[in-house]
Protein backbone atom coordinates (compact mmCIF):
# COMPACT_ATOMS: atom_id res chain seq x y z
CA UNK A 1 -11.50 -6.14 -23.93
CA UNK A 2 -11.16 -5.78 -27.68
CA UNK A 3 -13.32 -8.88 -28.22
CA UNK A 4 -16.45 -7.12 -26.89
CA UNK A 5 -18.46 -4.13 -28.11
CA UNK A 6 -19.39 -1.34 -25.70
CA UNK A 7 -23.02 -0.27 -25.32
CA UNK A 8 -23.57 2.73 -27.60
CA UNK A 9 -26.58 4.20 -25.72
CA UNK A 10 -25.67 6.27 -22.62
CA UNK A 11 -29.13 5.73 -21.10
CA UNK A 12 -28.66 1.96 -21.00
CA UNK A 13 -25.16 2.34 -19.57
CA UNK A 14 -26.49 4.71 -16.90
CA UNK A 15 -29.21 2.21 -15.91
CA UNK A 16 -26.72 -0.65 -15.65
CA UNK A 17 -24.26 1.33 -13.53
CA UNK A 18 -27.13 2.62 -11.36
CA UNK A 19 -28.35 -0.94 -10.73
CA UNK A 20 -24.79 -2.01 -9.93
CA UNK A 21 -24.50 0.60 -7.19
CA UNK A 22 -28.03 -0.18 -5.95
CA UNK A 23 -27.06 -3.83 -5.45
CA UNK A 24 -23.76 -3.03 -3.70
CA UNK A 25 -25.37 -0.18 -1.70
CA UNK A 26 -22.64 2.22 -2.75
CA UNK A 27 -22.60 5.70 -4.22
CA UNK A 28 -21.39 6.42 -7.72
CA UNK A 29 -17.90 7.88 -7.76
CA UNK A 30 -15.87 9.67 -10.39
CA UNK A 31 -12.87 7.59 -9.33
CA UNK A 32 -14.11 4.15 -10.30
CA UNK A 33 -17.36 2.30 -10.98
CA UNK A 34 -16.17 -0.85 -9.21
CA UNK A 35 -16.90 -0.66 -5.45
CA UNK A 36 -14.84 -2.02 -2.61
CA UNK A 37 -11.29 -1.81 -1.41
CA UNK A 38 -8.31 -2.78 -3.53
CA UNK A 39 -5.94 -5.38 -2.02
CA UNK A 40 -3.11 -4.12 0.18
CA UNK A 41 0.42 -5.32 -0.48
CA UNK A 42 1.58 -8.11 1.82
CA UNK A 43 4.63 -7.19 3.91
CA UNK A 44 6.37 -8.40 7.07
CA UNK A 45 4.00 -6.24 9.14
CA UNK A 46 0.80 -7.59 7.54
CA UNK A 47 1.91 -11.23 7.35
CA UNK A 48 0.82 -11.67 10.96
CA UNK A 49 -2.74 -10.78 9.90
CA UNK A 50 -2.89 -13.92 7.76
CA UNK A 51 -1.25 -16.01 10.48
CA UNK A 52 -3.87 -14.89 13.02
CA UNK A 53 -6.97 -15.11 10.79
CA UNK A 54 -8.42 -17.61 8.28
CA UNK A 55 -7.73 -16.66 4.65
CA UNK A 56 -8.19 -18.21 1.22
CA UNK A 57 -5.39 -18.11 -1.35
CA UNK A 58 -5.61 -17.88 -5.13
CA UNK A 59 -3.35 -16.71 -7.94
CA UNK A 60 -3.41 -13.04 -8.98
CA UNK A 61 -4.09 -12.85 -12.70
CA UNK A 62 -2.74 -9.94 -14.73
CA UNK A 63 -6.15 -9.01 -16.17
CA UNK A 64 -8.61 -6.11 -16.19
CA UNK A 65 -10.93 -6.04 -13.20
CA UNK A 66 -14.65 -6.01 -14.04
CA UNK A 67 -18.08 -6.71 -12.58
CA UNK A 68 -20.34 -9.30 -14.23
CA UNK A 69 -24.04 -8.40 -13.97
CA UNK A 70 -26.72 -10.92 -15.04
CA UNK A 71 -30.31 -9.63 -14.78
CA UNK A 72 -33.48 -11.64 -15.36
CA UNK A 73 -35.84 -9.02 -13.89
CA UNK A 74 -34.43 -6.10 -11.92
CA UNK A 75 -37.91 -4.96 -10.79
CA UNK A 76 -37.95 -7.92 -8.40
CA UNK A 77 -35.31 -5.98 -6.44
CA UNK A 78 -37.65 -2.98 -6.02
CA UNK A 79 -35.28 -0.75 -7.94
CA UNK A 80 -35.97 2.20 -10.23
CA UNK A 81 -33.67 0.75 -12.92
CA UNK A 82 -35.86 -1.51 -15.15
CA UNK A 83 -33.77 -4.15 -16.90
CA UNK A 84 -35.01 -7.55 -18.14
CA UNK A 85 -33.00 -10.54 -19.41
CA UNK A 86 -29.71 -8.77 -20.04
CA UNK A 87 -26.05 -9.52 -19.19
CA UNK A 88 -23.19 -7.03 -18.93
CA UNK A 89 -19.51 -6.84 -18.15
CA UNK A 90 -18.77 -3.45 -16.52
CA UNK A 91 -15.22 -2.09 -16.24
CA UNK A 92 -13.63 0.47 -13.88
CA UNK A 93 -14.66 3.40 -16.08
CA UNK A 94 -18.32 2.41 -16.10
CA UNK A 95 -18.25 1.15 -19.70
CA UNK A 96 -20.76 -1.66 -20.26
CA UNK A 97 -20.23 -4.57 -22.64
CA UNK A 98 -23.34 -6.71 -23.33
CA UNK A 99 -23.24 -10.50 -23.55
CA UNK A 100 -25.97 -12.77 -24.99
CA UNK A 101 -28.73 -13.64 -22.52
CA UNK A 102 -29.31 -17.09 -24.05
CA UNK A 103 -25.72 -17.97 -23.15
CA UNK A 104 -25.34 -16.44 -19.70
CA UNK A 105 -28.92 -16.07 -18.45
CA UNK A 106 -28.84 -19.18 -16.25
CA UNK A 107 -26.28 -17.45 -14.00
CA UNK A 108 -28.98 -14.99 -12.85
CA UNK A 109 -30.99 -17.71 -11.14
CA UNK A 110 -34.56 -16.47 -10.94
CA UNK A 111 -33.74 -12.80 -10.44
CA UNK A 112 -30.31 -11.13 -10.60
CA UNK A 113 -26.65 -11.96 -9.92
CA UNK A 114 -23.55 -9.78 -9.58
CA UNK A 115 -20.06 -11.28 -9.64
CA UNK A 116 -16.62 -9.74 -9.18
CA UNK A 117 -13.85 -10.84 -11.53
CA UNK A 118 -11.34 -9.98 -14.21
CA UNK A 119 -11.08 -10.37 -17.98
CA UNK A 120 -7.97 -11.43 -19.85
CA UNK A 121 -6.77 -13.78 -22.57
CA UNK A 122 -5.13 -17.15 -22.10
CA UNK A 123 -1.75 -18.03 -23.54
CA UNK A 124 -3.64 -19.45 -26.54
CA UNK A 125 -5.49 -16.16 -27.10
CA UNK A 126 -8.85 -17.34 -25.75
CA UNK A 127 -10.71 -14.65 -23.72
CA UNK A 128 -11.64 -15.69 -20.18
CA UNK A 129 -13.73 -14.16 -17.42
CA UNK A 130 -12.26 -15.20 -14.06
CA UNK A 131 -14.75 -14.94 -11.17
CA UNK A 132 -13.38 -14.48 -7.65
CA UNK A 133 -16.26 -13.07 -5.56
CA UNK A 134 -20.04 -12.63 -5.45
CA UNK A 135 -22.20 -9.72 -4.26
CA UNK A 136 -25.59 -11.18 -5.20
CA UNK A 137 -26.99 -14.41 -6.61
CA UNK A 138 -30.62 -15.16 -7.52
CA UNK A 139 -31.67 -11.86 -5.91
CA UNK A 140 -30.04 -12.74 -2.57
CA UNK A 141 -27.51 -10.30 -1.12
CA UNK A 142 -24.65 -12.65 -0.22
CA UNK A 143 -21.82 -10.12 0.03
CA UNK A 144 -21.90 -10.24 3.85
CA UNK A 145 -21.67 -14.03 4.04
CA UNK A 146 -18.43 -15.85 4.79
CA UNK A 147 -16.23 -16.22 1.74
CA UNK A 148 -16.48 -20.02 1.74
CA UNK A 149 -20.26 -19.70 1.19
CA UNK A 150 -19.80 -17.09 -1.56
CA UNK A 151 -17.26 -19.37 -3.24
CA UNK A 152 -19.67 -22.31 -3.12
CA UNK A 153 -22.41 -20.15 -4.69
CA UNK A 154 -20.15 -19.16 -7.60
CA UNK A 155 -19.08 -22.74 -8.26
CA UNK A 156 -22.65 -24.02 -8.14
CA UNK A 157 -23.89 -21.28 -10.49
CA UNK A 158 -21.26 -22.00 -13.13
CA UNK A 159 -21.57 -25.77 -12.85
CA UNK A 160 -25.30 -25.52 -13.58
CA UNK A 161 -24.62 -24.52 -17.19
CA UNK A 162 -27.00 -26.17 -19.67
CA UNK A 163 -25.59 -29.22 -21.41
CA UNK A 164 -25.74 -27.35 -24.73
CA UNK A 165 -23.02 -24.97 -23.48
CA UNK A 166 -20.51 -27.64 -22.53
CA UNK A 167 -19.24 -27.93 -26.11
CA UNK A 168 -17.31 -24.79 -27.07
CA UNK A 169 -17.28 -23.32 -30.60
CA UNK A 170 -14.06 -21.78 -31.97
CA UNK A 171 -14.86 -18.29 -30.66
CA UNK A 172 -15.63 -18.64 -26.95
CA UNK A 173 -15.57 -16.75 -23.70
CA UNK A 174 -14.63 -19.04 -20.85
CA UNK A 175 -16.25 -18.19 -17.53
CA UNK A 176 -14.11 -19.67 -14.77
CA UNK A 177 -14.38 -19.65 -11.00
CA UNK A 178 -10.81 -19.27 -9.82
CA UNK A 179 -9.34 -22.06 -7.75
CA UNK A 180 -9.02 -21.15 -4.06
CA UNK A 181 -7.24 -23.09 -1.34
CA UNK A 182 -6.98 -22.40 2.41
CA UNK A 183 -3.99 -20.24 3.31
CA UNK A 184 -2.06 -23.15 4.81
CA UNK A 185 -2.08 -24.79 1.34
CA UNK A 186 -0.58 -21.76 -0.43
CA UNK A 187 2.11 -23.89 -2.04
CA UNK A 188 -0.50 -25.75 -4.11
CA UNK A 189 -1.23 -22.50 -5.95
CA UNK A 190 2.29 -21.05 -6.12
CA UNK A 191 3.76 -24.23 -7.62
CA UNK A 192 1.54 -23.74 -10.69
CA UNK A 193 3.34 -20.46 -11.53
CA UNK A 194 6.41 -20.94 -13.70
CA UNK A 195 9.53 -18.81 -14.14
CA UNK A 196 7.85 -16.88 -16.97
CA UNK A 197 5.01 -15.84 -14.60
CA UNK A 198 2.46 -18.08 -16.33
CA UNK A 199 -0.18 -19.83 -14.21
CA UNK A 200 -1.11 -23.29 -15.48
CA UNK A 201 -3.74 -25.75 -14.35
CA UNK A 202 -5.94 -28.24 -16.17
CA UNK A 203 -8.24 -25.48 -17.37
CA UNK A 204 -6.12 -22.51 -18.46
CA UNK A 205 -2.73 -20.92 -18.95
CA UNK A 206 -2.78 -17.21 -18.10
CA UNK A 207 -0.30 -14.48 -17.23
CA UNK A 208 0.27 -14.28 -13.48
CA UNK A 209 0.91 -11.32 -11.22
CA UNK A 210 1.36 -12.99 -7.80
CA UNK A 211 -1.01 -14.29 -5.11
CA UNK A 212 -4.16 -12.91 -3.47
CA UNK A 213 -5.39 -13.68 0.06
CA UNK A 214 -9.13 -13.26 0.71
CA UNK A 215 -10.32 -13.27 4.35
CA UNK A 216 -12.89 -15.90 5.26
CA UNK A 217 -14.87 -13.64 7.62
CA UNK A 218 -14.91 -10.30 5.80
CA UNK A 219 -17.63 -9.12 3.39
CA UNK A 220 -17.19 -8.82 -0.37
CA UNK A 221 -17.53 -5.05 -0.03
CA UNK A 222 -14.73 -4.43 2.48
CA UNK A 223 -14.63 -1.29 4.57
CA UNK A 224 -11.52 0.89 4.97
CA UNK A 225 -9.15 -0.04 7.81
CA UNK A 226 -10.62 -3.54 8.08
CA UNK A 227 -8.77 -5.72 10.62
CA UNK A 228 -8.68 -8.48 7.98
CA UNK A 229 -8.00 -6.70 4.67
CA UNK A 230 -7.72 -8.24 1.25
CA UNK A 231 -3.99 -8.82 0.68
CA UNK A 232 -1.83 -9.41 -2.38
CA UNK A 233 1.67 -10.82 -2.67
CA UNK A 234 3.99 -10.04 -5.58
CA UNK A 235 7.59 -10.75 -6.38
CA UNK A 236 9.68 -7.76 -5.39
CA UNK A 237 10.40 -6.90 -9.02
CA UNK A 238 6.66 -6.94 -9.83
CA UNK A 239 5.45 -4.65 -7.03
CA UNK A 240 4.16 -1.45 -8.61
CA UNK A 241 2.34 1.84 -7.97
CA UNK A 242 -0.10 3.56 -10.31
CA UNK A 243 0.93 7.22 -10.49
CA UNK A 244 -0.51 10.11 -12.49
CA UNK A 245 1.57 11.78 -15.21
CA UNK A 246 0.70 15.24 -16.55
CA UNK A 247 1.22 16.90 -19.91
CA UNK A 248 3.86 17.52 -21.26
CA UNK A 249 4.72 14.32 -19.29
CA UNK A 250 8.51 14.63 -19.65
CA UNK A 251 10.57 17.53 -18.25
CA UNK A 252 13.72 19.11 -19.67
CA UNK A 253 16.00 16.45 -18.16
CA UNK A 254 13.90 13.58 -19.56
CA UNK A 255 12.24 12.69 -16.26
CA UNK A 256 8.52 12.06 -15.75
CA UNK A 257 7.02 13.85 -12.69
CA UNK A 258 4.79 11.48 -10.71
CA UNK A 259 1.63 12.43 -8.80
CA UNK A 260 -0.75 10.72 -6.39
CA UNK A 261 -4.31 11.79 -5.64
CA UNK A 262 -5.97 12.19 -2.22
CA UNK A 263 -9.58 11.35 -1.35
CA UNK A 264 -10.52 15.03 -1.76
CA UNK A 265 -9.12 15.08 -5.27
CA UNK A 266 -5.97 16.98 -4.34
CA UNK A 267 -2.90 16.05 -6.36
CA UNK A 268 0.59 15.76 -4.87
CA UNK A 269 3.82 15.53 -6.80
CA UNK A 270 5.97 12.97 -5.07
CA UNK A 271 8.84 11.74 -7.23
CA UNK A 272 10.19 11.23 -10.76
CA UNK A 273 10.48 8.28 -13.12
CA UNK A 274 12.26 7.37 -16.33
CA UNK A 275 11.04 5.14 -19.14
CA UNK A 276 11.37 1.45 -18.37
CA UNK A 277 10.76 0.09 -21.87
CA UNK A 278 9.74 1.02 -25.41
CA UNK A 279 6.11 0.18 -24.66
CA UNK A 280 6.03 2.96 -22.06
CA UNK A 281 7.53 5.44 -24.51
CA UNK A 282 4.97 4.59 -27.18
CA UNK A 283 2.12 4.68 -24.65
CA UNK A 284 2.89 8.21 -23.42
CA UNK A 285 3.49 9.41 -26.97
CA UNK A 286 0.08 8.08 -27.98
CA UNK A 287 -1.56 9.83 -25.00
CA UNK A 288 0.07 13.13 -25.98
CA UNK A 289 -1.03 12.74 -29.59
CA UNK A 290 -4.63 12.15 -28.44
CA UNK A 291 -4.53 15.49 -26.61
CA UNK A 292 -4.99 14.08 -23.10
CA UNK A 293 -3.67 16.22 -20.26
CA UNK A 294 -3.20 13.40 -17.74
CA UNK A 295 -2.82 9.62 -17.74
CA UNK A 296 -2.13 6.81 -15.26
CA UNK A 297 1.26 5.10 -15.46
CA UNK A 298 2.24 1.87 -13.71
CA UNK A 299 5.74 2.20 -12.24
CA UNK A 300 8.23 -0.25 -10.75
CA UNK A 301 11.18 0.63 -8.56
CA UNK A 302 14.57 -0.36 -9.97
CA UNK A 303 16.95 -1.20 -7.12
CA UNK A 304 19.92 -1.23 -9.49
CA UNK A 305 19.45 2.27 -10.89
CA UNK A 306 17.66 3.48 -7.72
CA UNK A 307 14.76 5.13 -9.53
CA UNK A 308 11.15 4.59 -10.55
CA UNK A 309 10.59 3.30 -14.09
CA UNK A 310 7.39 3.55 -16.11
CA UNK A 311 6.30 0.10 -17.30
CA UNK A 312 3.06 0.93 -19.11
CA UNK A 313 0.16 3.38 -19.46
CA UNK A 314 -3.01 2.17 -17.69
CA UNK A 315 -5.92 2.85 -20.05
CA UNK A 316 -8.34 1.10 -17.69
CA UNK A 317 -7.82 3.56 -14.83
CA UNK A 318 -8.67 7.24 -14.50
CA UNK A 319 -7.18 7.97 -11.05
CA UNK A 320 -3.80 7.15 -9.48
CA UNK A 321 -3.23 5.33 -6.21
CA UNK A 322 -3.93 7.28 -3.05
CA UNK A 323 -1.05 8.55 -0.89
CA UNK A 324 -1.84 5.83 1.68
CA UNK A 325 -1.77 2.99 -0.87
CA UNK A 326 1.41 4.30 -2.45
CA UNK A 327 3.12 4.66 0.92
CA UNK A 328 2.12 1.17 2.06
CA UNK A 329 3.44 -0.24 -1.22
CA UNK A 330 6.76 1.50 -0.68
CA UNK A 331 6.82 0.16 2.86
CA UNK A 332 6.28 -3.36 1.53
CA UNK A 333 9.33 -2.96 -0.72
CA UNK A 334 11.45 -2.39 2.37
CA UNK A 335 9.88 -5.25 4.31
CA UNK A 336 9.24 -7.63 1.43
CA UNK A 337 8.17 -11.21 2.15
CA UNK A 338 9.92 -13.71 -0.11
CA UNK A 339 8.04 -16.71 -1.49
CA UNK A 340 10.14 -19.06 0.65
CA UNK A 341 9.28 -17.05 3.76
CA UNK A 342 5.61 -17.16 2.79
CA UNK A 343 5.66 -20.93 2.27
CA UNK A 344 7.41 -21.47 5.59
CA UNK A 345 4.95 -19.29 7.51
CA UNK A 346 1.86 -20.85 5.91
CA UNK A 347 3.13 -24.41 6.43
CA UNK A 348 3.32 -23.78 10.18
CA UNK A 349 -0.18 -22.32 10.41
CA UNK A 350 -2.77 -24.52 12.13
CA UNK A 351 -5.50 -25.92 9.89
CA UNK A 352 -8.68 -23.91 10.48
CA UNK A 353 -10.90 -25.95 8.14
CA UNK A 354 -11.39 -29.59 7.27
CA UNK A 355 -10.00 -29.35 3.75
CA UNK A 356 -8.19 -31.60 1.36
CA UNK A 357 -7.65 -31.49 -2.39
CA UNK A 358 -10.48 -33.30 -4.12
CA UNK A 359 -9.65 -35.74 -6.90
CA UNK A 360 -13.10 -35.33 -8.42
CA UNK A 361 -13.30 -33.55 -11.74
CA UNK A 362 -16.11 -30.92 -11.79
CA UNK A 363 -18.21 -30.60 -14.96
CA UNK A 364 -16.10 -28.88 -17.60
CA UNK A 365 -13.33 -28.40 -15.04
CA UNK A 366 -10.13 -30.03 -13.90
CA UNK A 367 -8.72 -32.04 -11.01
CA UNK A 368 -7.19 -28.83 -9.71
CA UNK A 369 -10.57 -27.51 -8.67
CA UNK A 370 -11.28 -24.61 -11.04
CA UNK A 371 -14.82 -24.50 -12.35
CA UNK A 372 -15.33 -23.49 -15.97
CA UNK A 373 -18.07 -22.62 -18.42
CA UNK A 374 -17.40 -22.30 -22.17
CA UNK A 375 -19.73 -19.81 -23.86
CA UNK A 376 -20.11 -18.22 -27.27
CA UNK A 377 -19.57 -14.47 -27.67
CA UNK A 378 -20.30 -12.15 -30.61
CA UNK A 379 -17.42 -11.72 -33.07
CA UNK A 380 -17.25 -7.95 -32.63
CA UNK A 381 -14.64 -5.38 -31.64
CA UNK A 382 -14.88 -2.42 -29.31
CA UNK A 383 -14.13 0.91 -31.01
CA UNK A 384 -11.45 2.92 -30.82
CA UNK A 385 15.13 -7.27 -6.77
CA UNK A 386 17.47 -6.82 -3.55
CA UNK A 387 17.23 -8.62 -0.20
CA UNK A 388 14.75 -7.47 2.49
CA UNK A 389 16.18 -4.67 4.58
CA UNK A 390 17.98 -2.94 1.71
CA UNK A 391 17.80 0.82 2.47
CA UNK A 392 15.42 2.75 0.24
CA UNK A 393 16.92 5.88 -1.34
CA UNK A 394 15.68 9.20 0.01
CA UNK A 395 14.10 10.05 -3.33
CA UNK A 396 11.60 7.25 -2.76
CA UNK A 397 10.90 7.13 0.95
CA UNK A 398 10.74 10.86 1.71
CA UNK A 399 7.55 11.26 -0.29
CA UNK A 400 5.05 12.15 2.44
CA UNK A 401 6.34 13.68 5.66
CA UNK A 402 3.90 14.84 8.31
CA UNK A 403 2.54 17.91 6.50
CA UNK A 404 3.36 18.08 2.79
CA UNK A 405 5.35 16.11 0.26
CA UNK A 406 9.07 16.49 -0.24
CA UNK A 407 10.15 16.31 -3.85
CA UNK A 408 13.59 14.93 -4.58
CA UNK A 409 15.10 16.33 -1.40
CA UNK A 410 13.26 19.69 -1.55
CA UNK A 411 10.74 20.65 1.13
C-alpha cells in the first residue's frame, strides 16, 4: 500500500486496533490483526459442501487483505476507545493508514462501520479497495446476518456516495463492492478471467488468483471447523502454502528449509524448497540484509521437478500457515478440482434463490453488478500442473505423521 501513509503515533494505532477487536468481539493476537478464518482450499472432498449448501461466488483478487474502519463517533458503541470522524485501512500487521473523513465519512452511517476487503492496483495502476464482507454498519452488528443481507448493506452504503464524489480526479482510490453471484452461476464470474489471470468487468481490470465461495448462512466471523467454511478455488499451478524460512535461509546444498507454526507457537520443519524465480532470490537477500531472522515465503509445488519452489517473500504476513492449513492444501493438490469439473457440478445444482443477472447499471457501476465509488486520496507514500490423482512424492506428503514431522524421509 505504497500510496498511503501509516499513522505515526502508536497511541492512535492502538486505539484503532482496540476498537476493531471490540467490534468483532475478538481478542488481539500476535499472529494477525484481522479476525476470522482464512478460506480453505476447495478439493474433491469439500466440493460436496458447496453442492449441499447455498454459497455465493466471486473472483479471488491477488491483493492485500485489510479491514476498512469508518468511525463517526465510537462512544455511541459504549467503548473505551474514543474516536470521532476518522477512517482507517488496517492491514494484517495492525498498521493503520488514515483516509480523509470528508471523502469516506458517509460510509459510517450515523455511527460506525467495519468492512472486510483487500487493497490492490488495477492493470492501469489505479489503487482500489475491494469490499467483500461487513461486520458492522451504522453501529449495527450485522456479522451474524445471512451473507445476502450483508452484501445488500455494502452495496447500499457505497451507492449512497454524495454526487460530488462521482467525478474522479486523476489520483483516486476506488472503493468497489465485489460482484457476487449464486454458486450455480459460477461460470459468469470465471468467464471474466483471461489466460493471463486478469479479471475484467465494466469497472476494473485486476490480477486474479482464482475463485472464492462464501456461505449464505455462516457469519462474517467464522468459527473453526464450521460445517460451511469459506472456500477458495485456484488453478493447480497457483495453489500455494505460506511457510516460514529462517536465517541463514539457504543451507549448504542451496535448499531452503521450510517451517509451519502451530497454534501454541511451536515451529515444525517440514520440507525444503528451491528458488522459483529471481524475485524470490532478491526478496530473501533483502530480508537477510535487513537483519531479519525469519520471514514468510509463498511456495508452489512443481510437479515437473517434484519440489517446492519459493515464489515470493510475503511482507504482509508475520506467521506461516498452520500445520492443518498446510496439510489440507497439500491434500487439495492430490484431489484437485478442475475448472471444467467445477462448472459441471455447479450447473447441475438446484437454484436456491430467485436470481437473475440484472441489466440495470448501478450508480458509478457496470452492467456486471459491481458497485463502485471513486474517491480522492492524499498523494503520499508510506515509509520504508498434472492430472488429479497424480501421486505426490514422499518429500511432500510425509510431512505430518501421527506424532511428529518427518523431514525428507527422516523420522
